[in-house]
Protein backbone atom coordinates (compact mmCIF):
# COMPACT_ATOMS: atom_id res chain seq x y z
CA UNK A 1 36.55 -16.84 -7.12
CA UNK A 2 33.37 -15.68 -5.41
CA UNK A 3 31.09 -18.21 -3.73
CA UNK A 4 28.35 -17.61 -6.33
CA UNK A 5 30.82 -18.40 -9.13
CA UNK A 6 31.68 -21.68 -7.43
CA UNK A 7 27.98 -22.51 -7.06
CA UNK A 8 27.37 -21.71 -10.74
CA UNK A 9 30.30 -23.96 -11.66
CA UNK A 10 28.80 -26.81 -9.60
CA UNK A 11 25.38 -26.29 -11.25
CA UNK A 12 27.00 -26.34 -14.69
CA UNK A 13 28.84 -29.61 -13.89
CA UNK A 14 25.61 -31.14 -12.56
CA UNK A 15 23.86 -30.20 -15.78
CA UNK A 16 26.49 -32.33 -17.55
CA UNK A 17 25.34 -35.25 -15.35
CA UNK A 18 28.62 -35.36 -13.40
CA UNK A 19 28.12 -37.03 -9.98
CA UNK A 20 28.68 -34.94 -6.86
CA UNK A 21 31.67 -36.99 -5.69
CA UNK A 22 33.47 -36.30 -8.99
CA UNK A 23 32.47 -32.63 -8.81
CA UNK A 24 33.93 -32.46 -5.29
CA UNK A 25 37.15 -34.17 -6.38
CA UNK A 26 37.58 -31.84 -9.37
CA UNK A 27 36.88 -28.75 -7.26
CA UNK A 28 39.35 -29.89 -4.58
CA UNK A 29 41.99 -30.54 -7.27
CA UNK A 30 41.42 -27.02 -8.59
CA UNK A 31 42.43 -25.69 -5.17
CA UNK A 32 39.09 -24.95 -3.55
CA UNK A 33 38.86 -25.60 0.17
CA UNK A 34 36.67 -28.35 1.59
CA UNK A 35 34.41 -25.70 3.10
CA UNK A 36 33.90 -23.92 -0.24
CA UNK A 37 33.14 -27.19 -2.04
CA UNK A 38 30.70 -28.37 0.64
CA UNK A 39 28.92 -25.01 0.72
CA UNK A 40 28.71 -24.86 -3.09
CA UNK A 41 27.26 -28.40 -3.33
CA UNK A 42 24.73 -27.66 -0.59
CA UNK A 43 23.71 -24.31 -2.06
CA UNK A 44 23.43 -25.76 -5.57
CA UNK A 45 21.12 -28.48 -4.19
CA UNK A 46 18.96 -25.89 -2.42
CA UNK A 47 18.85 -23.76 -5.58
CA UNK A 48 17.80 -26.82 -7.62
CA UNK A 49 14.97 -27.62 -5.16
CA UNK A 50 13.66 -24.04 -5.27
CA UNK A 51 14.01 -23.94 -9.04
CA UNK A 52 11.99 -27.17 -9.36
CA UNK A 53 9.33 -25.86 -6.96
CA UNK A 54 9.01 -22.58 -8.84
CA UNK A 55 8.69 -24.03 -12.41
CA UNK A 56 5.38 -23.47 -14.16
CA UNK A 57 3.20 -26.53 -14.60
CA UNK A 58 3.73 -26.60 -18.38
CA UNK A 59 7.46 -27.28 -18.02
CA UNK A 60 6.83 -30.29 -15.81
CA UNK A 61 4.26 -31.79 -18.21
CA UNK A 62 6.91 -33.96 -19.89
CA UNK A 63 7.21 -36.03 -16.73
CA UNK A 64 4.68 -38.74 -16.01
CA UNK A 65 1.81 -37.42 -13.95
CA UNK A 66 1.06 -39.01 -10.64
CA UNK A 67 -1.91 -38.27 -8.53
CA UNK A 68 -1.05 -35.37 -6.29
CA UNK A 69 -2.23 -35.44 -2.71
CA UNK A 70 -4.48 -32.59 -1.79
CA UNK A 71 -2.20 -31.54 1.10
CA UNK A 72 0.49 -29.10 -0.08
CA UNK A 73 3.95 -30.55 0.34
CA UNK A 74 7.24 -28.89 1.12
CA UNK A 75 9.82 -29.13 -1.66
CA UNK A 76 11.95 -32.23 -1.22
CA UNK A 77 15.74 -32.11 -1.20
CA UNK A 78 17.41 -33.20 -4.38
CA UNK A 79 18.47 -36.82 -3.86
CA UNK A 80 21.39 -36.39 -6.24
CA UNK A 81 23.35 -35.14 -3.22
CA UNK A 82 24.95 -38.22 -1.74
CA UNK A 83 24.70 -37.96 2.06
CA UNK A 84 27.76 -40.13 2.52
CA UNK A 85 29.76 -37.70 0.39
CA UNK A 86 28.41 -34.79 2.39
CA UNK A 87 29.40 -36.61 5.58
CA UNK A 88 32.81 -37.33 4.11
CA UNK A 89 33.29 -33.70 3.12
CA UNK A 90 32.03 -32.53 6.52
CA UNK A 91 34.44 -34.90 8.27
CA UNK A 92 37.34 -33.67 6.16
CA UNK A 93 36.40 -30.07 6.97
CA UNK A 94 36.23 -30.90 10.68
CA UNK A 95 39.52 -32.77 10.43
CA UNK A 96 41.13 -29.80 8.65
CA UNK A 97 39.82 -27.33 11.24
CA UNK A 98 40.83 -29.67 14.08
CA UNK A 99 44.34 -29.89 12.62
CA UNK A 100 44.49 -26.08 12.46
CA UNK A 101 43.33 -25.87 16.08
CA UNK A 102 45.92 -28.43 17.20
CA UNK A 103 48.62 -26.49 15.31
CA UNK A 104 47.59 -23.26 17.02
CA UNK A 105 47.47 -24.90 20.44
CA UNK A 106 50.94 -26.42 19.83
CA UNK A 107 52.26 -22.97 18.88
CA UNK A 108 50.80 -21.55 22.09
CA UNK A 109 52.41 -24.37 24.10
CA UNK A 110 55.77 -23.74 22.41
CA UNK A 111 55.45 -20.00 23.06
CA UNK A 112 54.58 -20.68 26.70
CA UNK A 113 57.60 -22.97 27.07
CA UNK A 114 59.94 -20.42 25.51
CA UNK A 115 58.49 -17.68 27.73
CA UNK A 116 58.99 -19.87 30.81
CA UNK A 117 62.63 -20.45 29.81
CA UNK A 118 63.16 -16.74 29.23
CA UNK A 119 61.44 -15.91 32.52
CA UNK A 120 63.61 -18.41 34.37
CA UNK A 121 66.69 -16.94 32.69
CA UNK A 122 65.68 -13.40 33.67
CA UNK A 123 64.92 -14.60 37.20
CA UNK A 124 68.37 -16.21 37.44
CA UNK A 125 70.00 -13.01 36.14
CA UNK A 126 68.13 -10.95 38.73
CA UNK A 127 69.26 -13.32 41.50
CA UNK A 128 72.86 -13.08 40.24
CA UNK A 129 72.65 -9.29 40.09
CA UNK A 130 71.21 -9.19 43.63
CA UNK A 131 74.02 -11.40 44.88
CA UNK A 132 76.61 -9.23 43.10
CA UNK A 133 74.98 -6.10 44.52
CA UNK A 134 75.02 -7.55 48.04
CA UNK A 135 78.71 -8.45 47.65
CA UNK A 136 79.50 -4.96 46.33
CA UNK A 137 77.57 -3.37 49.18
CA UNK A 138 79.49 -5.43 51.75
CA UNK A 139 82.79 -4.53 50.08
CA UNK A 140 81.93 -0.81 50.07
CA UNK A 141 80.87 -0.92 53.72
CA UNK A 142 84.13 -2.72 54.55
CA UNK A 143 86.16 -0.05 52.75
CA UNK A 144 84.19 2.70 54.50
CA UNK A 145 84.86 1.06 57.89
CA UNK A 146 88.57 0.70 57.00
CA UNK A 147 88.70 4.36 55.90
CA UNK A 148 86.93 5.40 59.11
CA UNK A 149 89.44 3.59 61.29
CA UNK A 150 92.36 5.05 59.28
CA UNK A 151 90.87 8.55 59.67
CA UNK A 152 90.56 8.01 63.44
CA UNK A 153 94.20 6.97 63.59
CA UNK A 154 95.22 10.03 61.56
CA UNK A 155 93.11 12.22 63.86
CA UNK A 156 94.81 10.71 66.89
CA UNK A 157 98.25 11.25 65.33
CA UNK A 158 97.39 14.88 64.52
CA UNK A 159 96.28 15.50 68.11
CA UNK A 160 99.49 13.97 69.39
CA UNK A 161 101.48 16.14 66.99
CA UNK A 162 99.53 19.18 68.18
CA UNK A 163 100.43 18.40 71.77
CA UNK A 164 104.06 18.07 70.78
CA UNK A 165 103.96 21.39 68.91
CA UNK A 166 102.27 23.05 71.90
CA UNK A 167 105.21 22.05 74.08
CA UNK A 168 108.00 22.69 71.53
CA UNK A 169 106.69 25.78 69.76
CA UNK A 170 107.06 28.33 72.61
CA UNK A 171 110.69 27.27 73.12
CA UNK A 172 111.28 27.32 69.39
CA UNK A 173 109.81 30.82 69.06
CA UNK A 174 111.93 32.03 71.96
CA UNK A 175 115.05 30.57 70.37
CA UNK A 176 114.23 32.18 67.03
CA UNK A 177 113.69 35.54 68.72
CA UNK A 178 116.98 35.22 70.54
CA UNK A 179 118.76 34.30 67.34
CA UNK A 180 117.21 37.32 65.69
CA UNK A 181 118.50 39.61 68.47
CA UNK A 182 121.94 38.09 68.25
CA UNK A 183 121.97 38.58 64.51
CA UNK A 184 120.97 42.19 64.84
CA UNK A 185 123.57 42.86 67.45
CA UNK A 186 126.23 41.31 65.31
CA UNK A 187 125.20 43.41 62.38
CA UNK A 188 125.52 46.54 64.43
CA UNK A 189 129.03 45.65 65.45
């Protein structure tokens, strides 16, 4: 419902001589917020003051006439608005808004706590991964060093084998050649 409809509803209830506190209770029971009710009561009061100030003199003739001061006066607020009720409504609005603020702040605190926990968890995982990486790096370097020493030993063994072949190979070739000559001579015979 638009704000003007709420104001019109308040004006209609006031025309039935229903006190503002009962109007407020009925409006709150109908589901209107404290802010809407307070604004509607205030605006209806202001509208009533301006309506009274703007009435032609003939309409106000039914009221007893009092001597009017010569100084023009500002329109007075309608005293049908109970200031204690307005204060009560204002306090309930403030209390409602304060409760909303506290709820939002609590949600932010909960979010911050959960983010700190997640951040700590991620930090711990990073530390664990770094430790695992360091261990893996040390293991790989150890294997590389072991492989290097094995390759050196193999290189040394190959050089030793080469030296042995250098000494044995000429004699072996000579023996093979001699065997070949003997075989050929035997074939000829």
